[in-house]
């Protein structure tokens, strides 16, 4: 099954699984980056920061390409986006 990430799916604190399920990450902020491009993936195993310096759109693209899946599905994910 393929999971397609969208910009509105990227929320700080959301846990994601890697494609081999050996490691889990949490979406968070890299304090060293300023501006809108400060999102990062943080390993729950050792706290290592990876894929930092991304905007919401860039993080969504990265998660889709790398085949990451959400650990939990948020009920808000199924609601229509308000304009």
N, C-alpha and C. Protein backbone atom coordinates (compact mmCIF):
# COMPACT_ATOMS: atom_id res chain seq x y z
N UNK A 1 0.85 -1.17 0.00
CA UNK A 1 0.00 0.00 0.00
C UNK A 1 0.90 1.24 0.00
N UNK A 2 0.56 2.19 -0.83
CA UNK A 2 1.32 3.43 -0.91
C UNK A 2 0.58 4.51 -0.13
N UNK A 3 1.33 5.26 0.66
CA UNK A 3 0.76 6.38 1.39
C UNK A 3 1.29 7.66 0.78
N UNK A 4 0.40 8.56 0.42
CA UNK A 4 0.78 9.84 -0.18
C UNK A 4 0.59 10.95 0.85
N UNK A 5 1.70 11.59 1.21
CA UNK A 5 1.66 12.68 2.18
C UNK A 5 1.28 13.98 1.49
N UNK A 6 0.50 14.80 2.18
CA UNK A 6 0.15 16.13 1.70
C UNK A 6 0.60 17.14 2.74
N UNK A 7 0.70 18.37 2.32
CA UNK A 7 1.22 19.43 3.19
C UNK A 7 0.45 19.51 4.51
N UNK A 8 -0.87 19.37 4.48
CA UNK A 8 -1.66 19.48 5.71
C UNK A 8 -1.49 18.28 6.63
N UNK A 9 -0.87 17.20 6.15
CA UNK A 9 -0.61 16.02 6.99
C UNK A 9 0.60 16.21 7.90
N UNK A 10 1.41 17.20 7.60
CA UNK A 10 2.65 17.42 8.35
C UNK A 10 2.34 18.22 9.60
N UNK A 11 2.43 17.53 10.75
CA UNK A 11 2.13 18.16 12.04
C UNK A 11 3.24 17.83 13.02
N UNK A 12 3.69 18.84 13.73
CA UNK A 12 4.71 18.62 14.74
C UNK A 12 4.20 17.63 15.78
N UNK A 13 5.01 16.64 16.10
CA UNK A 13 4.63 15.63 17.07
C UNK A 13 4.09 14.36 16.45
N UNK A 14 3.83 14.35 15.16
CA UNK A 14 3.31 13.15 14.48
C UNK A 14 4.44 12.13 14.33
N UNK A 15 4.15 10.89 14.68
CA UNK A 15 5.13 9.81 14.57
C UNK A 15 4.98 9.13 13.21
N UNK A 16 6.13 8.78 12.63
CA UNK A 16 6.15 8.09 11.34
C UNK A 16 7.04 6.86 11.42
N UNK A 17 6.71 5.87 10.60
CA UNK A 17 7.47 4.62 10.48
C UNK A 17 8.30 4.66 9.22
N UNK A 18 9.51 4.15 9.31
CA UNK A 18 10.29 3.98 8.09
C UNK A 18 9.77 2.76 7.33
N UNK A 19 10.12 2.64 6.09
CA UNK A 19 9.59 1.55 5.26
C UNK A 19 10.00 0.17 5.76
N UNK A 20 11.11 0.06 6.47
CA UNK A 20 11.52 -1.25 6.98
C UNK A 20 11.07 -1.46 8.43
N UNK A 21 10.38 -0.49 9.00
CA UNK A 21 9.80 -0.54 10.34
C UNK A 21 10.83 -0.75 11.45
N UNK A 22 12.10 -0.62 11.15
CA UNK A 22 13.13 -0.80 12.17
C UNK A 22 13.31 0.47 13.00
N UNK A 23 12.85 1.58 12.50
CA UNK A 23 13.06 2.85 13.18
C UNK A 23 11.81 3.70 13.07
N UNK A 24 11.51 4.41 14.13
CA UNK A 24 10.41 5.37 14.13
C UNK A 24 10.97 6.77 14.35
N UNK A 25 10.28 7.72 13.75
CA UNK A 25 10.68 9.12 13.85
C UNK A 25 9.48 9.95 14.28
N UNK A 26 9.78 11.15 14.73
CA UNK A 26 8.74 12.12 15.05
C UNK A 26 9.03 13.38 14.25
N UNK A 27 8.00 14.01 13.72
CA UNK A 27 8.17 15.27 13.00
C UNK A 27 8.30 16.37 14.04
N UNK A 28 9.36 17.15 13.91
CA UNK A 28 9.59 18.23 14.86
C UNK A 28 10.29 19.39 14.19
N UNK A 29 10.82 20.27 15.02
CA UNK A 29 11.50 21.47 14.53
C UNK A 29 12.98 21.40 14.86
N UNK A 30 13.79 21.89 13.95
CA UNK A 30 15.23 22.01 14.18
C UNK A 30 15.48 23.44 14.65
N UNK A 31 15.89 23.62 15.91
CA UNK A 31 16.07 24.96 16.44
C UNK A 31 17.20 25.74 15.77
N UNK A 32 18.06 25.05 15.04
CA UNK A 32 19.17 25.74 14.36
C UNK A 32 18.71 26.42 13.09
N UNK A 33 17.54 26.06 12.58
CA UNK A 33 17.02 26.63 11.33
C UNK A 33 15.99 27.72 11.67
N UNK A 34 16.04 28.79 10.93
CA UNK A 34 15.10 29.88 11.14
C UNK A 34 14.14 29.94 9.95
N UNK A 35 12.95 30.47 10.19
CA UNK A 35 11.99 30.62 9.11
C UNK A 35 11.07 29.43 8.97
N UNK A 36 10.44 29.33 7.81
CA UNK A 36 9.45 28.27 7.58
C UNK A 36 10.09 26.93 7.23
N UNK A 37 11.37 26.93 6.93
CA UNK A 37 12.03 25.69 6.54
C UNK A 37 12.82 25.10 7.71
N UNK A 38 12.12 24.88 8.83
CA UNK A 38 12.81 24.37 10.01
C UNK A 38 12.28 23.01 10.48
N UNK A 39 11.54 22.29 9.64
CA UNK A 39 11.03 20.98 10.02
C UNK A 39 12.12 19.92 9.90
N UNK A 40 12.05 18.92 10.76
CA UNK A 40 13.03 17.84 10.76
C UNK A 40 12.37 16.55 11.22
N UNK A 41 13.02 15.44 10.92
CA UNK A 41 12.63 14.14 11.47
C UNK A 41 13.61 13.82 12.59
N UNK A 42 13.08 13.41 13.74
CA UNK A 42 13.91 13.08 14.91
C UNK A 42 13.69 11.62 15.25
N UNK A 43 14.78 10.88 15.34
CA UNK A 43 14.71 9.45 15.67
C UNK A 43 14.23 9.27 17.10
N UNK A 44 13.26 8.37 17.29
CA UNK A 44 12.80 8.05 18.64
C UNK A 44 13.77 7.11 19.35
N UNK A 45 14.63 6.48 18.60
CA UNK A 45 15.60 5.55 19.18
C UNK A 45 16.76 6.29 19.85
N UNK A 46 17.35 7.25 19.12
CA UNK A 46 18.55 7.90 19.65
C UNK A 46 18.53 9.43 19.59
N UNK A 47 17.42 10.02 19.13
CA UNK A 47 17.29 11.48 19.11
C UNK A 47 18.01 12.16 17.96
N UNK A 48 18.59 11.39 17.04
CA UNK A 48 19.31 11.97 15.92
C UNK A 48 18.35 12.73 15.01
N UNK A 49 18.75 13.93 14.63
CA UNK A 49 17.95 14.77 13.73
C UNK A 49 18.35 14.46 12.29
N UNK A 50 17.36 14.12 11.47
CA UNK A 50 17.60 13.86 10.05
C UNK A 50 16.63 14.69 9.22
N UNK A 51 16.93 14.82 7.98
CA UNK A 51 16.04 15.53 7.04
C UNK A 51 15.60 16.88 7.58
N UNK A 52 16.54 17.67 8.06
CA UNK A 52 16.19 18.97 8.62
C UNK A 52 16.19 20.05 7.55
N UNK A 53 15.63 21.20 7.92
CA UNK A 53 15.60 22.35 7.02
C UNK A 53 14.55 22.26 5.94
N UNK A 54 13.42 21.64 6.25
CA UNK A 54 12.37 21.45 5.25
C UNK A 54 11.11 22.24 5.60
N UNK A 55 10.42 22.69 4.56
CA UNK A 55 9.10 23.30 4.73
C UNK A 55 8.08 22.17 4.83
N UNK A 56 6.82 22.51 5.09
CA UNK A 56 5.77 21.50 5.15
C UNK A 56 5.65 20.74 3.82
N UNK A 57 5.70 21.47 2.72
CA UNK A 57 5.58 20.84 1.39
C UNK A 57 6.78 19.94 1.11
N UNK A 58 7.97 20.40 1.46
CA UNK A 58 9.18 19.59 1.24
C UNK A 58 9.18 18.33 2.10
N UNK A 59 8.71 18.45 3.34
CA UNK A 59 8.65 17.29 4.22
C UNK A 59 7.63 16.28 3.69
N UNK A 60 6.49 16.75 3.21
CA UNK A 60 5.48 15.85 2.63
C UNK A 60 6.06 15.10 1.44
N UNK A 61 6.77 15.79 0.59
CA UNK A 61 7.39 15.16 -0.58
C UNK A 61 8.44 14.13 -0.15
N UNK A 62 9.26 14.48 0.84
CA UNK A 62 10.29 13.56 1.34
C UNK A 62 9.67 12.30 1.94
N UNK A 63 8.65 12.46 2.76
CA UNK A 63 8.01 11.30 3.40
C UNK A 63 7.37 10.38 2.37
N UNK A 64 6.77 10.96 1.33
CA UNK A 64 6.16 10.15 0.28
C UNK A 64 7.22 9.39 -0.50
N UNK A 65 8.28 10.08 -0.92
CA UNK A 65 9.34 9.45 -1.71
C UNK A 65 10.08 8.37 -0.93
N UNK A 66 10.28 8.59 0.37
CA UNK A 66 11.01 7.64 1.21
C UNK A 66 10.11 6.54 1.77
N UNK A 67 8.83 6.57 1.42
CA UNK A 67 7.85 5.55 1.81
C UNK A 67 7.62 5.47 3.32
N UNK A 68 7.61 6.62 3.97
CA UNK A 68 7.25 6.67 5.39
C UNK A 68 5.74 6.58 5.53
N UNK A 69 5.30 5.99 6.64
CA UNK A 69 3.87 5.87 6.94
C UNK A 69 3.60 6.49 8.30
N UNK A 70 2.40 7.05 8.49
CA UNK A 70 2.06 7.56 9.82
C UNK A 70 1.85 6.39 10.78
N UNK A 71 2.26 6.55 12.03
CA UNK A 71 2.04 5.52 13.04
C UNK A 71 0.57 5.52 13.44
N UNK A 72 0.01 6.69 13.64
CA UNK A 72 -1.39 6.84 14.01
C UNK A 72 -2.09 7.70 12.98
N UNK A 73 -3.33 7.36 12.68
CA UNK A 73 -4.14 8.17 11.78
C UNK A 73 -4.95 9.14 12.64
N UNK A 74 -4.82 10.42 12.35
CA UNK A 74 -5.54 11.46 13.07
C UNK A 74 -6.93 11.60 12.46
N UNK A 75 -7.95 11.71 13.29
CA UNK A 75 -9.32 11.86 12.78
C UNK A 75 -9.47 13.09 11.89
N UNK A 76 -8.69 14.13 12.17
CA UNK A 76 -8.75 15.35 11.36
C UNK A 76 -8.25 15.11 9.94
N UNK A 77 -7.49 14.04 9.73
CA UNK A 77 -6.98 13.74 8.39
C UNK A 77 -8.11 13.44 7.41
N UNK A 78 -9.24 13.02 7.92
CA UNK A 78 -10.35 12.63 7.06
C UNK A 78 -11.36 13.75 6.84
N UNK A 79 -11.17 14.88 7.47
CA UNK A 79 -12.09 16.00 7.30
C UNK A 79 -11.68 16.83 6.10
N UNK A 80 -12.63 17.41 5.39
CA UNK A 80 -12.28 18.27 4.25
C UNK A 80 -11.52 19.50 4.72
N UNK A 81 -10.61 19.95 3.88
CA UNK A 81 -9.81 21.14 4.19
C UNK A 81 -10.67 22.37 3.98
N UNK A 82 -10.69 23.27 4.98
CA UNK A 82 -11.46 24.51 4.87
C UNK A 82 -10.65 25.54 4.11
N UNK A 83 -11.31 26.23 3.19
CA UNK A 83 -10.63 27.27 2.40
C UNK A 83 -10.69 28.60 3.09
